[in-house]
Protein backbone atom coordinates (compact mmCIF):
# COMPACT_ATOMS: atom_id res chain seq x y z
CA MET A 1 2.21 68.69 -20.11
CA ASN A 2 4.54 68.36 -23.22
CA HIS A 3 5.42 72.06 -22.93
CA TYR A 4 8.92 72.99 -24.05
CA THR A 5 11.13 75.37 -22.56
CA PRO A 6 14.51 76.08 -23.48
CA PRO A 7 17.25 74.33 -21.00
CA LEU A 8 18.60 76.41 -18.58
CA ILE A 9 22.07 76.20 -17.11
CA SER A 10 22.20 75.36 -13.39
CA ALA A 11 18.52 74.79 -13.36
CA GLU A 12 19.06 73.93 -9.83
CA ARG A 13 20.89 76.74 -7.62
CA VAL A 14 20.69 78.49 -4.25
CA VAL A 15 19.94 82.11 -4.55
CA GLY A 16 20.02 84.40 -1.34
CA GLY A 17 20.42 80.96 0.70
CA ARG A 18 17.03 79.19 -0.60
CA PRO A 19 17.20 76.50 -2.88
CA TYR A 20 15.35 76.79 -6.59
CA ASP A 21 14.74 74.65 -9.28
CA PHE A 22 13.92 77.06 -12.16
CA SER A 23 13.17 73.69 -14.66
CA ARG A 24 9.52 73.92 -12.40
CA ARG A 25 9.54 76.72 -10.59
CA VAL A 26 9.08 80.49 -11.13
CA ALA A 27 9.90 82.91 -8.25
CA ILE A 28 7.75 85.86 -8.03
CA MET A 29 10.29 89.31 -7.13
CA ALA A 30 8.31 92.03 -5.65
CA ILE A 31 9.24 95.66 -6.17
CA VAL A 32 9.79 98.03 -3.26
CA ASN A 33 10.92 101.40 -4.13
CA ARG A 34 12.55 104.10 -1.91
CA THR A 35 12.49 106.43 -4.44
CA PRO A 36 10.18 109.74 -4.42
CA ASP A 37 10.09 109.52 -8.51
CA SER A 38 9.73 105.95 -9.45
CA PHE A 39 7.49 105.19 -12.43
CA HIS A 40 4.50 103.58 -10.96
CA ASP A 41 5.03 104.10 -6.90
CA ARG A 42 5.48 108.27 -7.11
CA GLY A 43 6.83 107.83 -4.17
CA ARG A 44 4.35 106.26 -2.26
CA THR A 45 7.18 103.68 -0.58
CA PHE A 46 9.94 106.55 0.12
CA ALA A 47 9.43 106.82 3.63
CA LEU A 48 11.43 104.03 5.36
CA ASP A 49 7.99 103.40 7.37
CA ARG A 50 6.10 102.83 4.50
CA ALA A 51 9.12 100.97 2.84
CA THR A 52 9.45 98.50 5.59
CA GLU A 53 5.76 97.95 6.06
CA ALA A 54 5.79 96.92 2.16
CA VAL A 55 8.26 94.43 2.43
CA ARG A 56 6.34 92.90 5.26
CA ALA A 57 3.32 92.81 3.12
CA ALA A 58 4.95 91.79 -0.04
CA ALA A 59 6.35 88.74 2.33
CA ASP A 60 2.70 88.18 3.45
CA ALA A 61 1.50 88.11 0.01
CA GLY A 62 3.68 85.40 -1.19
CA ALA A 63 6.80 87.08 -2.90
CA ASP A 64 9.61 84.97 -3.09
CA TRP A 65 12.14 87.79 -3.67
CA ILE A 66 12.01 91.25 -2.73
CA ASP A 67 13.96 93.93 -5.12
CA ILE A 68 14.29 97.34 -3.18
CA GLY A 69 15.43 100.35 -5.47
CA GLY A 70 16.86 103.68 -4.60
CA VAL A 71 17.53 105.24 -8.07
CA PRO A 72 15.40 104.97 -10.76
CA PHE A 73 16.62 103.96 -14.31
CA ALA A 74 14.30 106.69 -15.78
CA PRO A 75 15.63 110.62 -16.39
CA GLY A 76 15.82 112.38 -13.09
CA PRO A 77 17.80 114.73 -10.51
CA GLU A 78 21.57 113.10 -9.41
CA VAL A 79 21.14 110.74 -6.54
CA THR A 80 24.94 110.06 -5.02
CA ALA A 81 25.90 106.75 -4.08
CA ALA A 82 25.88 107.61 -0.46
CA GLU A 83 22.51 108.83 -0.59
CA GLU A 84 21.46 105.48 -2.29
CA LEU A 85 22.98 103.35 0.33
CA ASP A 86 21.19 105.77 3.16
CA ARG A 87 17.73 104.85 0.98
CA VAL A 88 18.39 101.04 0.64
CA LEU A 89 20.49 99.66 3.55
CA PRO A 90 17.73 99.86 6.22
CA VAL A 91 15.12 98.25 3.62
CA VAL A 92 17.58 95.11 3.45
CA GLU A 93 18.35 94.46 6.72
CA ALA A 94 14.25 95.06 7.05
CA ALA A 95 13.74 92.35 4.65
CA GLN A 96 16.29 89.91 5.97
CA GLY A 97 14.60 86.44 6.69
CA ARG A 98 11.60 87.51 4.88
CA ALA A 99 12.23 86.58 1.40
CA VAL A 100 15.49 86.35 -0.97
CA VAL A 101 16.57 90.34 -1.03
CA SER A 102 17.66 91.93 -4.13
CA VAL A 103 18.57 95.50 -5.09
CA ASP A 104 18.28 97.51 -8.12
CA THR A 105 21.42 99.10 -8.27
CA TYR A 106 23.92 99.70 -11.54
CA ARG A 107 26.70 101.00 -8.83
CA PRO A 108 29.52 98.46 -7.98
CA GLU A 109 30.03 100.20 -4.78
CA VAL A 110 26.71 99.88 -3.55
CA ALA A 111 26.04 96.45 -4.83
CA SER A 112 29.47 96.02 -2.35
CA GLU A 113 27.91 97.33 0.85
CA VAL A 114 24.49 95.58 -0.18
CA ILE A 115 25.73 92.15 -0.38
CA LYS A 116 27.72 92.66 2.92
CA ALA A 117 24.53 93.49 3.99
CA GLY A 118 22.79 90.15 3.32
CA ALA A 119 21.39 91.11 -0.43
CA GLY A 120 21.38 87.74 -2.23
CA VAL A 121 20.48 89.54 -5.89
CA ILE A 122 22.23 92.66 -7.56
CA ASN A 123 19.79 93.75 -9.94
CA ASP A 124 21.73 95.72 -12.59
CA THR A 125 19.49 97.52 -15.00
CA SER A 126 22.32 99.35 -16.88
CA GLY A 127 23.71 95.88 -18.23
CA LEU A 128 26.87 95.79 -16.83
CA ARG A 129 27.41 99.36 -18.41
CA ASP A 130 30.05 99.78 -15.41
CA PRO A 131 32.21 96.17 -16.00
CA ALA A 132 33.44 96.48 -12.20
CA MET A 133 30.12 95.53 -11.28
CA ALA A 134 30.85 91.67 -12.44
CA ASP A 135 33.88 92.05 -10.11
CA VAL A 136 31.99 92.85 -7.20
CA VAL A 137 29.65 89.71 -7.54
CA ALA A 138 32.77 87.49 -8.46
CA GLY A 139 33.32 85.31 -5.43
CA THR A 140 30.12 85.95 -3.71
CA ASP A 141 27.23 84.03 -3.52
CA ALA A 142 25.00 86.70 -4.88
CA ALA A 143 23.03 86.52 -8.04
CA LEU A 144 23.35 89.11 -10.84
CA VAL A 145 20.95 90.43 -13.08
CA ILE A 146 22.12 91.53 -16.34
CA THR A 147 19.23 93.82 -17.98
CA HIS A 148 19.60 94.91 -21.59
CA SER A 149 19.41 98.64 -21.92
CA LEU A 150 20.79 101.21 -24.35
CA ALA A 151 21.08 104.49 -22.28
CA ALA A 152 23.22 104.87 -19.03
CA PRO A 153 21.17 105.22 -16.19
CA ARG A 154 19.23 108.41 -15.55
CA THR A 155 19.72 109.31 -19.12
CA PRO A 156 17.31 109.94 -21.96
CA TYR A 157 17.37 107.89 -25.29
CA PRO A 158 14.47 109.31 -27.38
CA ALA A 159 13.20 107.40 -30.21
CA PRO A 160 15.44 103.94 -30.08
CA ALA A 161 15.95 102.32 -33.29
CA TYR A 162 16.66 98.96 -33.90
CA GLY A 163 16.78 96.57 -36.85
CA ASP A 164 15.85 93.01 -35.29
CA VAL A 165 15.17 94.02 -31.88
CA THR A 166 15.00 90.48 -30.46
CA ALA A 167 17.94 89.46 -32.16
CA GLU A 168 19.74 92.79 -30.83
CA VAL A 169 18.67 92.45 -27.19
CA THR A 170 19.67 88.60 -27.54
CA ASP A 171 22.94 89.26 -28.77
CA PHE A 172 23.59 92.60 -26.09
CA LEU A 173 22.65 89.72 -23.47
CA ARG A 174 25.10 87.20 -25.07
CA ARG A 175 28.18 89.90 -24.68
CA ARG A 176 27.54 91.12 -21.19
CA VAL A 177 27.12 87.46 -20.12
CA ARG A 178 30.53 86.65 -21.51
CA LEU A 179 32.18 89.63 -20.02
CA ALA A 180 30.69 88.50 -16.55
CA LEU A 181 32.23 85.17 -16.81
CA ASP A 182 35.26 86.23 -18.09
CA ARG A 183 35.76 88.51 -14.92
CA GLY A 184 35.13 85.56 -12.87
CA VAL A 185 31.13 85.74 -12.19
CA ARG A 186 29.82 81.88 -12.49
CA PRO A 187 27.58 80.49 -14.40
CA GLU A 188 24.92 79.78 -11.59
CA GLN A 189 24.94 83.28 -10.46
CA LEU A 190 23.48 84.71 -13.66
CA ILE A 191 20.10 85.81 -14.48
CA ILE A 192 19.06 87.60 -17.85
CA ASP A 193 16.64 90.31 -18.32
CA PRO A 194 15.46 91.78 -22.03
CA GLY A 195 14.43 95.18 -20.49
CA HIS A 196 10.64 95.39 -20.99
CA ASP A 197 10.49 99.19 -22.41
CA LEU A 198 13.81 100.44 -21.72
CA ASN A 199 14.70 102.53 -24.33
CA LYS A 200 12.40 100.55 -26.44
CA ASN A 201 8.91 101.62 -27.62
CA THR A 202 5.72 99.48 -27.17
CA ARG A 203 5.99 97.77 -30.53
CA HIS A 204 9.82 96.94 -29.78
CA THR A 205 8.66 95.24 -26.12
CA LEU A 206 6.01 93.48 -27.65
CA GLU A 207 8.00 92.24 -30.23
CA VAL A 208 10.58 91.24 -27.58
CA THR A 209 7.87 89.33 -25.52
CA ARG A 210 6.23 87.54 -28.77
CA ARG A 211 9.88 86.11 -29.24
CA LEU A 212 10.95 85.63 -25.52
CA ARG A 213 11.89 82.09 -26.10
CA GLU A 214 14.65 83.25 -28.36
CA VAL A 215 16.31 85.49 -25.41
CA ALA A 216 15.46 82.33 -23.05
CA GLU A 217 17.52 80.42 -25.42
CA LEU A 218 20.62 81.90 -23.65
CA GLY A 219 20.18 79.05 -21.07
CA HIS A 220 20.10 81.69 -17.96
CA PRO A 221 16.84 81.85 -15.97
CA LEU A 222 15.76 84.91 -17.49
CA LEU A 223 13.47 87.88 -15.56
CA ALA A 224 10.40 89.51 -17.07
CA ALA A 225 9.44 92.93 -15.57
CA VAL A 226 6.50 93.58 -17.22
CA SER A 227 4.37 95.11 -14.02
CA ASN A 228 2.15 97.87 -15.17
CA LYS A 229 4.40 99.23 -17.84
CA ASP A 230 3.65 101.82 -20.89
CA PHE A 231 3.98 98.95 -23.36
CA ILE A 232 0.58 97.52 -21.60
CA GLY A 233 -1.06 101.25 -20.81
CA GLU A 234 -0.80 102.16 -24.74
CA THR A 235 -1.61 98.67 -25.88
CA LEU A 236 -4.92 98.38 -24.01
CA ASP A 237 -5.48 102.45 -23.37
CA VAL A 238 -5.77 102.19 -19.58
CA PRO A 239 -3.88 104.83 -17.25
CA GLN A 240 -1.26 103.88 -14.87
CA ARG A 241 -3.78 102.29 -12.11
CA GLU A 242 -5.65 100.30 -14.62
CA ARG A 243 -2.91 97.81 -15.59
CA LEU A 244 -3.34 94.69 -13.47
CA ALA A 245 -5.23 92.80 -16.10
CA GLY A 246 -2.47 93.47 -18.89
CA THR A 247 0.11 92.84 -16.27
CA LEU A 248 -0.97 89.26 -15.06
CA ALA A 249 -1.79 88.69 -19.05
CA ALA A 250 1.95 89.75 -19.77
CA VAL A 251 3.03 87.50 -16.96
CA VAL A 252 1.61 84.42 -17.76
CA PHE A 253 2.70 84.67 -21.34
CA CYS A 254 6.57 85.40 -20.52
CA VAL A 255 6.18 82.27 -18.06
CA LEU A 256 5.06 80.29 -21.11
CA GLN A 257 8.11 81.47 -23.29
CA GLY A 258 10.35 80.57 -20.79
CA ALA A 259 10.52 83.55 -17.93
CA ARG A 260 11.56 82.22 -14.67
CA ILE A 261 11.36 84.94 -12.45
CA VAL A 262 8.95 87.93 -12.67
CA ARG A 263 9.23 91.41 -11.05
CA VAL A 264 5.35 92.64 -10.39
CA HIS A 265 4.07 95.43 -7.95
CA ASP A 266 0.64 93.99 -7.11
CA VAL A 267 2.07 90.43 -5.61
CA ARG A 268 -0.77 88.29 -4.42
CA PRO A 269 -2.81 88.27 -8.02
CA ALA A 270 0.51 87.71 -9.56
CA VAL A 271 1.59 84.87 -7.16
CA GLU A 272 -1.97 83.68 -7.85
CA ALA A 273 -1.77 83.54 -12.10
CA VAL A 274 1.68 82.29 -11.66
CA ARG A 275 1.35 78.96 -9.31
CA MET A 276 -1.87 78.16 -11.10
CA THR A 277 0.28 78.31 -14.47
CA GLU A 278 2.87 76.37 -12.89
CA ALA A 279 -0.17 73.70 -11.68
CA MET A 280 -1.55 73.78 -15.60
CA LEU A 281 2.10 72.82 -16.59
CA GLY A 282 2.62 70.00 -14.32
CA TRP A 283 5.08 71.77 -12.24
CA ARG A 284 2.93 71.85 -9.20
CA GLU A 285 0.31 69.83 -7.41
CA PRO A 286 -3.05 71.43 -6.11
CA ALA A 287 -3.30 72.73 -2.79
CA TYR A 288 -6.24 70.14 -2.01
CA THR A 289 -8.75 68.13 -4.23
CA ARG A 290 -12.18 67.59 -3.08
CA HIS A 291 -13.73 68.37 -5.89
CA ASN A 292 -15.75 65.14 -7.84
CA MET A 293 -13.55 63.20 -5.52
CA PRO A 294 -14.55 59.73 -3.66
CA ALA A 295 -15.88 60.16 -0.32
CA PRO A 296 -13.58 59.49 2.34
CA GLY A 297 -13.99 55.84 3.83
């Protein structure tokens, strides 16, 4: 199929010890939050046994990557770096060998420890607010996700305002990518994320999504973290637990606009939606073909 996607810097790369060709493949990133106050899970996987079971279930459902979080981005009570490590390290260990292990953290000291423990991706939703994060990742084999956000993590940012939200998000990511490169991070380590709903209202997020290809033109694999977010709920007028259909529509649309990693709560439906999209784009062969095929012999 003649479908235009922005050219990628280092489309073929190794992440967490596994090869990926992002010119023809989309990675499914599952979410496992070891937090009592995440916006969707609400503590469902806070207990260690529940978190490790969620890791197993995500891997069995086809997740390529598993993103482990110990502190939400949204405002809430203080969690020390020591507490964050206590939450995430056992889950990082439980996920080894099952999928590429990602850790959602904005703290360089936490990133350093989880990379030593085997994490292949650092997912920094603060967008390198602390430039030392780039120093930690430089010289390792870990990938670094740089996300657009305006506020410091755990800090309210009411009524964000933009002139041209997509242009401003793209410019922010361009500057933070340059910061990472200047501090020794290699181009093939970088992933960008426009930060759906992070310090953005629903109209902002819909605009960024509609023009996502402009962000993807930066050339680094783009992560779309759209799962069950408020822009879906407000657009469709559906509560938190009824956003799967909207999530899948957003996932497929983002892939068509250039996303190469999608971050989701409901793994198996997302895997099927993405693999079907890959097949329709001509990137993936069917699992089998029997319908209207010649009889054998």
